[in-house]
Amino acid sequence: MKKDKLYLIGPTESILTKRGNRFPNIAKFFVDEGEDIVYYTSNFYHAEKRYFSKQEINDAKEALGYELKVLKVLGYNSNVSPKRVLNNLFFSLDVFFRLLFLAHKNDRILLPSRPVELIFFMSLLKRLKGVRIYLDIQDIWPDALEIENKKKKRIFEFYCNMYLKPSLKKYDKTIYTAPTFKKWLHRYAENIPSVFIPLGWENTRWEDFNKKVDADTSILNMVCVAQLQHQIDVMPILEILKIRKDCHFTILGADQNGERYPEVKAFIDENNITNVKIIGKVKREDMKFYLETMDVGILPMITPSIPNKIFDYLAAELPIIVLGDNDSSDFVLQNEIGWSCGFNSNELIPILDGLTKASLKEKIEQTKLIKDKYSRDRLHVELKHVLFD
């Protein structure tokens, strides 16, 4: 009897990419569970705007226990551009026509919530082939894509809705990584079953984590893991650093490609702020070495979500301060692992003033109590119930 396949589709995420790796982790988990996995991705590296070499692709395929299909796509230089739209459309069509001939009834397909073209064509595949389709809502278009030009924004909204309205209601089940994303789903498909499964932290990456306690307790070491993109606003923290020499701030993973990088660098230089350090790209496996000496993780993210960096902080047993009223602040407060405030230094200062050795220790102990609940080993078991129950 033929075994049903599980198809994973990650256009911008695979074993080849060095950033988010939710889908590659899922693929490995299900291979270990004995499932037959086929993984579709593209040969274009979204984060670095370049193509993967044949050598990179061949090396990646050698180490896998599943079939990795790397499709050739059209590249692009800007995240908001006609070329990216064409990239998404052609990739989605390519996967659709391949699976039209390869997929069988009751095969399962798990895909991310972008691009919208992929969501549409997989719903069409379900109607034609009887496959089961599952959506992992990691991002929400058109809401989450920042477009300053109002006319272009309206066109993009119309374009997304054209694909989403007829297709989302066809999905068997969905998973959402932040509560706000469920509202987005209900806008298009109110009756589709949906389960909260956040991004979580990787057990293998943090298994030898060793938290270090700094002997100098007079300095509060704060860290922000982020590229300095539009949705990340570190200015309230920098305002405080001008006057508070008892705080030190490290920005991890920021390089000159970030949209806010020039603004941040100029502010630091103009105000001669010496208690801040910007460290460029950090390998995923090295992140723990930077976080093990920190006291507090900062998330100054404007858009709603619960990003990977929240779980990096949790795995590193760091109390967390979230700027803004959003999914991340709700997550931190509900789990009692940190604090939240508005996007201004006046609201952040009282929180910093109230940080004592005892209050930090209390939050650290709470992170230790709840962190296993959000480990990927645990979350993947929940995902298995969604896909196979």
Protein backbone atom coordinates (compact mmCIF):
# COMPACT_ATOMS: atom_id res chain seq x y z
CA MET A 1 0.00 0.00 0.00
CA LYS A 2 1.35 3.41 -1.00
CA LYS A 3 2.34 5.65 1.90
CA ASP A 4 0.92 9.18 1.91
CA LYS A 5 3.53 11.91 1.47
CA LEU A 6 3.95 15.12 3.44
CA TYR A 7 4.96 18.01 1.20
CA LEU A 8 6.58 21.05 2.85
CA ILE A 9 6.85 24.24 0.80
CA GLY A 10 9.29 26.92 1.98
CA PRO A 11 9.99 29.43 -0.82
CA THR A 12 12.38 31.55 1.30
CA GLU A 13 13.24 29.07 4.07
CA SER A 14 15.16 25.80 3.83
CA ILE A 15 18.27 24.02 5.08
CA LEU A 16 20.15 26.39 2.72
CA THR A 17 19.11 29.57 4.53
CA LYS A 18 20.84 30.78 7.68
CA ARG A 19 17.97 32.61 9.35
CA GLY A 20 14.50 31.28 10.22
CA ASN A 21 14.44 27.48 10.15
CA ARG A 22 10.96 26.50 11.34
CA PHE A 23 10.17 24.38 8.28
CA PRO A 24 13.58 22.59 8.11
CA ASN A 25 13.12 21.67 11.79
CA ILE A 26 9.62 20.39 11.04
CA ALA A 27 10.98 18.34 8.11
CA LYS A 28 13.64 16.70 10.32
CA PHE A 29 11.09 15.92 13.02
CA PHE A 30 8.74 14.14 10.62
CA VAL A 31 11.61 12.24 8.95
CA ASP A 32 12.56 10.97 12.42
CA GLU A 33 8.89 10.02 12.89
CA GLY A 34 9.10 7.87 9.75
CA GLU A 35 7.10 10.09 7.41
CA ASP A 36 7.87 10.41 3.67
CA ILE A 37 8.90 14.06 3.19
CA VAL A 38 9.35 16.14 0.03
CA TYR A 39 10.50 19.74 0.54
CA TYR A 40 10.11 22.44 -2.15
CA THR A 41 12.16 25.63 -1.95
CA SER A 42 13.80 28.14 -4.32
CA ASN A 43 17.40 28.75 -5.39
CA PHE A 44 17.17 32.45 -4.38
CA TYR A 45 18.33 33.60 -0.93
CA HIS A 46 15.71 36.16 0.14
CA ALA A 47 17.76 37.53 3.07
CA GLU A 48 20.91 38.22 1.04
CA LYS A 49 19.30 38.77 -2.37
CA ARG A 50 21.51 36.26 -4.16
CA TYR A 51 21.31 32.81 -5.75
CA PHE A 52 22.61 29.69 -4.05
CA SER A 53 25.51 28.06 -5.86
CA LYS A 54 25.32 24.50 -7.20
CA GLN A 55 27.90 23.54 -4.59
CA GLU A 56 25.79 24.93 -1.74
CA ILE A 57 22.73 23.06 -3.01
CA ASN A 58 24.59 19.77 -3.48
CA ASP A 59 26.22 20.00 -0.04
CA ALA A 60 22.84 20.68 1.60
CA LYS A 61 21.14 17.75 -0.13
CA GLU A 62 23.82 15.30 1.01
CA ALA A 63 23.10 15.79 4.70
CA LEU A 64 19.32 15.38 4.51
CA GLY A 65 17.04 12.45 5.19
CA TYR A 66 14.36 13.79 2.84
CA GLU A 67 13.99 14.92 -0.77
CA LEU A 68 14.86 18.59 -1.30
CA LYS A 69 13.56 20.12 -4.54
CA VAL A 70 15.29 23.45 -5.29
CA LEU A 71 13.38 25.31 -8.00
CA LYS A 72 14.95 28.00 -10.19
CA VAL A 73 13.25 31.37 -9.72
CA LEU A 74 13.47 35.00 -10.76
CA GLY A 75 15.53 37.06 -8.28
CA TYR A 76 14.73 40.54 -6.97
CA ASN A 77 16.59 43.38 -5.23
CA SER A 78 13.67 44.91 -3.33
CA ASN A 79 11.06 43.26 -1.10
CA VAL A 80 8.39 45.55 -2.56
CA SER A 81 8.77 45.32 -6.33
CA PRO A 82 7.17 43.88 -9.49
CA LYS A 83 10.05 41.38 -9.72
CA ARG A 84 9.18 39.92 -6.34
CA VAL A 85 5.53 39.56 -7.37
CA LEU A 86 6.66 37.69 -10.50
CA ASN A 87 9.03 35.57 -8.41
CA ASN A 88 6.16 34.53 -6.13
CA LEU A 89 3.78 33.88 -9.03
CA PHE A 90 6.20 31.76 -11.08
CA PHE A 91 7.35 29.75 -8.05
CA SER A 92 3.73 29.05 -7.07
CA LEU A 93 2.82 27.99 -10.59
CA ASP A 94 5.90 25.74 -10.81
CA VAL A 95 5.01 23.93 -7.57
CA PHE A 96 1.35 23.67 -8.63
CA PHE A 97 2.09 21.98 -11.96
CA ARG A 98 4.67 19.63 -10.43
CA LEU A 99 2.27 18.50 -7.70
CA LEU A 100 -0.60 18.26 -10.18
CA PHE A 101 1.19 15.22 -11.64
CA LEU A 102 2.94 13.94 -8.49
CA ALA A 103 0.53 14.38 -5.57
CA HIS A 104 -2.13 11.82 -4.72
CA LYS A 105 -5.37 11.98 -2.80
CA ASN A 106 -4.80 12.30 0.97
CA ASP A 107 -1.19 13.50 0.59
CA ARG A 108 -0.63 16.41 2.96
CA ILE A 109 0.81 19.83 2.09
CA LEU A 110 2.07 22.31 4.69
CA LEU A 111 2.88 25.81 3.46
CA PRO A 112 3.55 29.25 4.96
CA SER A 113 1.11 32.16 4.75
CA ARG A 114 3.15 33.98 2.13
CA PRO A 115 3.22 34.38 -0.77
CA VAL A 116 -0.52 34.71 -1.37
CA GLU A 117 -0.19 33.18 -4.84
CA LEU A 118 0.97 29.91 -3.27
CA ILE A 119 -2.03 29.87 -0.93
CA PHE A 120 -4.34 30.19 -3.95
CA PHE A 121 -2.71 27.55 -6.15
CA MET A 122 -2.55 24.97 -3.35
CA SER A 123 -6.29 25.47 -2.75
CA LEU A 124 -6.82 24.84 -6.47
CA LEU A 125 -4.69 21.69 -6.20
CA LYS A 126 -6.92 20.44 -3.39
CA ARG A 127 -10.00 20.81 -5.57
CA LEU A 128 -8.34 18.95 -8.43
CA LYS A 129 -6.43 16.21 -6.57
CA GLY A 130 -8.09 15.79 -3.18
CA VAL A 131 -4.92 16.56 -1.21
CA ARG A 132 -5.10 17.89 2.35
CA ILE A 133 -3.75 21.41 2.78
CA TYR A 134 -2.53 23.09 5.97
CA LEU A 135 -1.44 26.70 6.40
CA ASP A 136 1.23 27.88 8.84
CA ILE A 137 0.40 31.53 9.50
CA GLN A 138 3.79 33.13 10.20
CA ASP A 139 3.08 36.46 8.52
CA ILE A 140 -0.02 38.23 7.22
CA TRP A 141 -0.23 39.94 3.85
CA PRO A 142 -1.26 42.57 2.92
CA ASP A 143 -1.26 43.82 6.54
CA ALA A 144 2.36 43.19 7.50
CA LEU A 145 4.15 44.42 4.38
CA GLU A 146 5.08 48.07 4.89
CA ILE A 147 4.32 50.17 1.77
CA GLU A 148 4.59 53.94 2.24
CA ASN A 149 2.99 54.90 -1.11
CA LYS A 150 -0.78 54.84 -0.47
CA LYS A 151 -1.72 54.10 -4.07
CA LYS A 152 0.71 51.16 -4.27
CA LYS A 153 -0.56 49.92 -0.89
CA ARG A 154 -4.18 49.89 -2.14
CA ILE A 155 -3.16 48.03 -5.31
CA PHE A 156 -1.26 45.47 -3.22
CA GLU A 157 -4.24 45.00 -0.88
CA PHE A 158 -6.54 44.38 -3.86
CA TYR A 159 -4.01 41.94 -5.33
CA CYS A 160 -3.70 39.94 -2.08
CA ASN A 161 -7.46 39.84 -1.48
CA MET A 162 -7.99 38.54 -5.02
CA TYR A 163 -6.01 35.41 -4.06
CA LEU A 164 -6.99 35.07 -0.40
CA LYS A 165 -10.78 35.46 -0.47
CA PRO A 166 -11.55 32.42 -2.65
CA SER A 167 -8.78 30.17 -1.28
CA LEU A 168 -8.37 30.36 2.51
CA LYS A 169 -11.80 28.83 3.15
CA LYS A 170 -10.65 25.68 1.33
CA TYR A 171 -7.93 24.79 3.86
CA ASP A 172 -8.32 21.76 6.13
CA LYS A 173 -6.63 23.35 9.17
CA THR A 174 -4.36 26.27 9.98
CA ILE A 175 -1.71 27.01 12.57
CA TYR A 176 -1.07 30.56 13.79
CA THR A 177 2.13 31.78 15.42
CA ALA A 178 0.61 34.90 17.04
CA PRO A 179 -2.97 35.57 18.26
CA THR A 180 -3.43 38.60 15.98
CA PHE A 181 -2.96 36.31 12.98
CA LYS A 182 -6.14 34.43 13.86
CA LYS A 183 -8.11 37.65 13.30
CA TRP A 184 -6.56 37.89 9.84
CA LEU A 185 -7.66 34.31 9.10
CA HIS A 186 -11.23 34.99 10.26
CA ARG A 187 -11.42 37.96 7.92
CA TYR A 188 -11.28 35.50 5.01
CA ALA A 189 -12.37 32.16 6.50
CA GLU A 190 -14.19 32.18 9.82
CA ASN A 191 -14.88 28.46 10.15
CA ILE A 192 -11.46 26.94 9.42
CA PRO A 193 -10.01 25.10 12.48
CA SER A 194 -6.92 26.87 13.80
CA VAL A 195 -4.38 26.04 16.52
CA PHE A 196 -1.82 28.29 18.23
CA ILE A 197 1.67 26.86 17.72
CA PRO A 198 4.33 29.57 18.17
CA LEU A 199 7.80 29.55 16.59
CA GLY A 200 9.53 28.22 19.72
CA TRP A 201 13.23 27.53 20.31
CA GLU A 202 15.40 24.70 18.98
CA ASN A 203 16.41 22.12 21.56
CA THR A 204 19.60 21.04 19.78
CA ARG A 205 20.86 24.62 19.42
CA TRP A 206 20.48 25.37 23.13
CA GLU A 207 21.26 21.99 24.73
CA ASP A 208 24.72 23.06 25.97
CA PHE A 209 23.64 26.58 26.95
CA ASN A 210 25.43 27.80 30.07
CA LYS A 211 24.12 31.02 31.62
CA LYS A 212 26.88 33.18 33.06
CA VAL A 213 26.40 35.67 35.89
CA ASP A 214 28.38 38.88 35.52
CA ALA A 215 30.31 39.77 38.67
CA ASP A 216 29.70 43.48 37.98
CA THR A 217 26.06 43.96 38.96
CA SER A 218 26.27 47.76 38.67
CA ILE A 219 25.84 47.58 34.86
CA LEU A 220 22.59 46.39 33.29
CA ASN A 221 23.43 44.53 30.08
CA MET A 222 20.54 44.83 27.63
CA VAL A 223 20.42 43.12 24.24
CA CYS A 224 18.28 43.37 21.12
CA VAL A 225 18.50 40.62 18.49
CA ALA A 226 17.40 42.31 15.27
CA GLN A 227 18.22 43.70 11.91
CA LEU A 228 17.52 47.42 11.99
CA GLN A 229 14.51 47.25 9.68
CA HIS A 230 11.51 49.61 9.58
CA GLN A 231 9.57 47.55 12.12
CA ILE A 232 12.39 47.69 14.70
CA ASP A 233 12.69 51.01 16.58
CA VAL A 234 15.59 51.14 19.07
CA MET A 235 15.51 54.96 19.43
CA PRO A 236 13.76 54.97 22.88
CA ILE A 237 16.61 52.82 24.24
CA LEU A 238 19.28 55.04 22.68
CA GLU A 239 17.63 58.12 24.23
CA ILE A 240 18.09 56.53 27.66
CA LEU A 241 21.71 55.57 26.99
CA LYS A 242 22.56 59.26 26.56
CA ILE A 243 21.87 59.84 30.24
CA ARG A 244 22.21 56.39 31.83
CA LYS A 245 25.77 55.10 31.99
CA ASP A 246 24.65 52.24 34.27
CA CYS A 247 23.14 50.55 31.19
CA HIS A 248 24.88 48.90 28.26
CA PHE A 249 23.04 47.99 25.06
CA THR A 250 24.10 45.41 22.46
CA ILE A 251 22.35 45.17 19.08
CA LEU A 252 22.94 41.71 17.62
CA GLY A 253 22.56 40.87 13.95
CA ALA A 254 22.40 44.42 12.59
CA ASP A 255 24.37 45.40 9.51
CA GLN A 256 24.40 48.26 7.03
CA ASN A 257 21.61 46.69 4.96
CA GLY A 258 18.98 47.51 7.60
CA GLU A 259 16.69 50.41 6.61
CA ARG A 260 17.14 52.11 10.00
CA TYR A 261 20.87 51.46 10.28
CA PRO A 262 22.02 54.92 8.99
CA GLU A 263 19.60 56.71 11.35
CA VAL A 264 20.71 54.65 14.36
CA LYS A 265 24.43 54.95 13.60
CA ALA A 266 24.13 58.71 13.07
CA PHE A 267 22.29 59.17 16.40
CA ILE A 268 24.95 57.17 18.26
CA ASP A 269 27.78 59.18 16.70
CA GLU A 270 26.14 62.60 17.09
CA ASN A 271 25.43 62.01 20.78
CA ASN A 272 28.73 60.26 21.46
CA ILE A 273 26.98 57.26 23.03
CA THR A 274 29.72 54.89 24.14
CA ASN A 275 27.62 52.33 26.04
CA VAL A 276 26.15 50.73 22.94
CA LYS A 277 27.62 48.07 20.67
CA ILE A 278 26.40 46.96 17.25
CA ILE A 279 27.41 43.45 16.22
CA GLY A 280 26.70 42.34 12.64
CA LYS A 281 25.42 38.99 11.48
CA VAL A 282 25.77 36.21 14.03
CA LYS A 283 25.64 32.52 13.17
CA ARG A 284 22.56 30.82 14.56
CA GLU A 285 24.67 28.33 16.53
CA ASP A 286 26.75 31.16 18.06
CA MET A 287 23.80 33.20 19.36
CA LYS A 288 23.88 31.54 22.79
CA PHE A 289 27.46 32.69 23.40
CA TYR A 290 26.37 36.32 23.04
CA LEU A 291 23.21 35.96 25.13
CA GLU A 292 24.64 33.97 28.04
CA THR A 293 26.16 37.11 29.63
CA MET A 294 23.15 39.41 29.14
CA ASP A 295 20.65 40.54 31.78
CA VAL A 296 17.59 41.61 29.75
CA GLY A 297 16.32 41.00 26.22
CA ILE A 298 14.63 43.94 24.47
CA LEU A 299 11.99 43.71 21.74
CA PRO A 300 11.19 47.11 20.18
CA MET A 301 9.08 45.76 17.31
CA ILE A 302 6.29 47.87 15.84
CA THR A 303 4.40 45.14 13.93
CA PRO A 304 2.31 42.49 15.72
CA SER A 305 3.83 39.00 15.99
CA ILE A 306 5.83 36.81 18.37
CA PRO A 307 9.15 36.62 16.50
CA ASN A 308 12.05 34.17 16.82
CA LYS A 309 14.01 36.59 19.01
CA ILE A 310 11.44 36.24 21.83
CA PHE A 311 12.23 32.52 21.94
CA ASP A 312 15.98 33.16 21.74
CA TYR A 313 15.61 35.26 24.90
CA LEU A 314 13.44 32.60 26.54
CA ALA A 315 15.93 29.82 25.72
CA ALA A 316 18.71 32.03 27.13
CA GLU A 317 16.65 32.51 30.33
CA LEU A 318 16.51 36.28 29.83
CA PRO A 319 13.77 38.47 31.29
CA ILE A 320 12.19 40.41 28.41
CA ILE A 321 11.10 44.03 27.96
CA VAL A 322 8.68 44.58 25.05
CA LEU A 323 8.02 48.04 23.67
CA GLY A 324 4.49 48.51 22.36
CA ASP A 325 1.12 46.88 22.96
CA ASN A 326 1.14 43.79 20.76
CA ASP A 327 1.20 39.98 20.65
CA SER A 328 4.72 39.86 22.10
CA SER A 329 3.87 42.08 25.07
CA ASP A 330 0.78 39.93 25.77
CA PHE A 331 2.92 36.78 25.55
CA VAL A 332 5.56 38.12 27.94
CA LEU A 333 3.02 39.41 30.49
CA GLN A 334 0.81 36.29 30.38
CA ASN A 335 3.83 34.05 30.95
CA GLU A 336 5.18 36.46 33.62
CA ILE A 337 8.65 36.56 32.05
CA GLY A 338 9.08 40.31 31.69
CA TRP A 339 7.59 43.77 31.30
CA SER A 340 6.08 46.00 28.62
CA CYS A 341 5.79 49.73 28.00
CA GLY A 342 5.07 52.22 25.20
CA PHE A 343 7.47 53.29 22.48
CA ASN A 344 9.09 56.12 24.40
CA SER A 345 11.93 56.52 26.87
CA ASN A 346 9.67 58.10 29.54
CA GLU A 347 7.76 54.80 29.94
CA LEU A 348 10.88 52.66 29.74
CA ILE A 349 12.83 54.53 32.48
CA PRO A 350 10.51 53.48 35.38
CA ILE A 351 10.87 49.82 34.34
CA LEU A 352 14.68 50.12 34.33
CA ASP A 353 14.58 51.96 37.68
CA GLY A 354 12.56 49.10 39.16
CA LEU A 355 14.95 46.38 38.03
CA THR A 356 16.62 44.97 41.12
CA LYS A 357 18.71 41.87 41.59
CA ALA A 358 15.68 40.23 43.21
CA SER A 359 13.19 41.19 40.46
CA LEU A 360 15.54 39.95 37.72
CA LYS A 361 16.14 36.69 39.58
CA GLU A 362 12.37 36.17 39.94
CA LYS A 363 11.85 36.54 36.18
CA ILE A 364 14.84 34.31 35.37
CA GLU A 365 13.35 31.55 37.54
CA GLN A 366 10.02 31.96 35.71
CA THR A 367 11.74 31.57 32.30
CA LYS A 368 13.28 28.32 33.55
CA LEU A 369 9.85 27.08 34.65
CA ILE A 370 8.05 27.72 31.36
CA LYS A 371 10.74 27.46 28.66
CA ASP A 372 10.23 23.74 27.98
CA LYS A 373 6.59 24.43 27.07
CA TYR A 374 7.84 26.45 24.07
CA SER A 375 10.63 24.13 22.93
CA ARG A 376 10.28 22.85 19.37
CA ASP A 377 10.45 19.24 20.57
CA ARG A 378 7.17 19.87 22.39
CA LEU A 379 5.61 22.06 19.69
CA HIS A 380 6.33 19.53 16.91
CA VAL A 381 4.31 16.91 18.79
CA GLU A 382 1.39 19.37 18.82
CA LEU A 383 1.87 19.93 15.08
CA LYS A 384 1.75 16.18 14.46
CA HIS A 385 -1.69 16.07 16.10
CA VAL A 386 -2.87 18.88 13.80
CA LEU A 387 -1.64 17.20 10.61
CA PHE A 388 -2.36 13.54 11.34
CA ASP A 389 -5.25 13.33 13.85
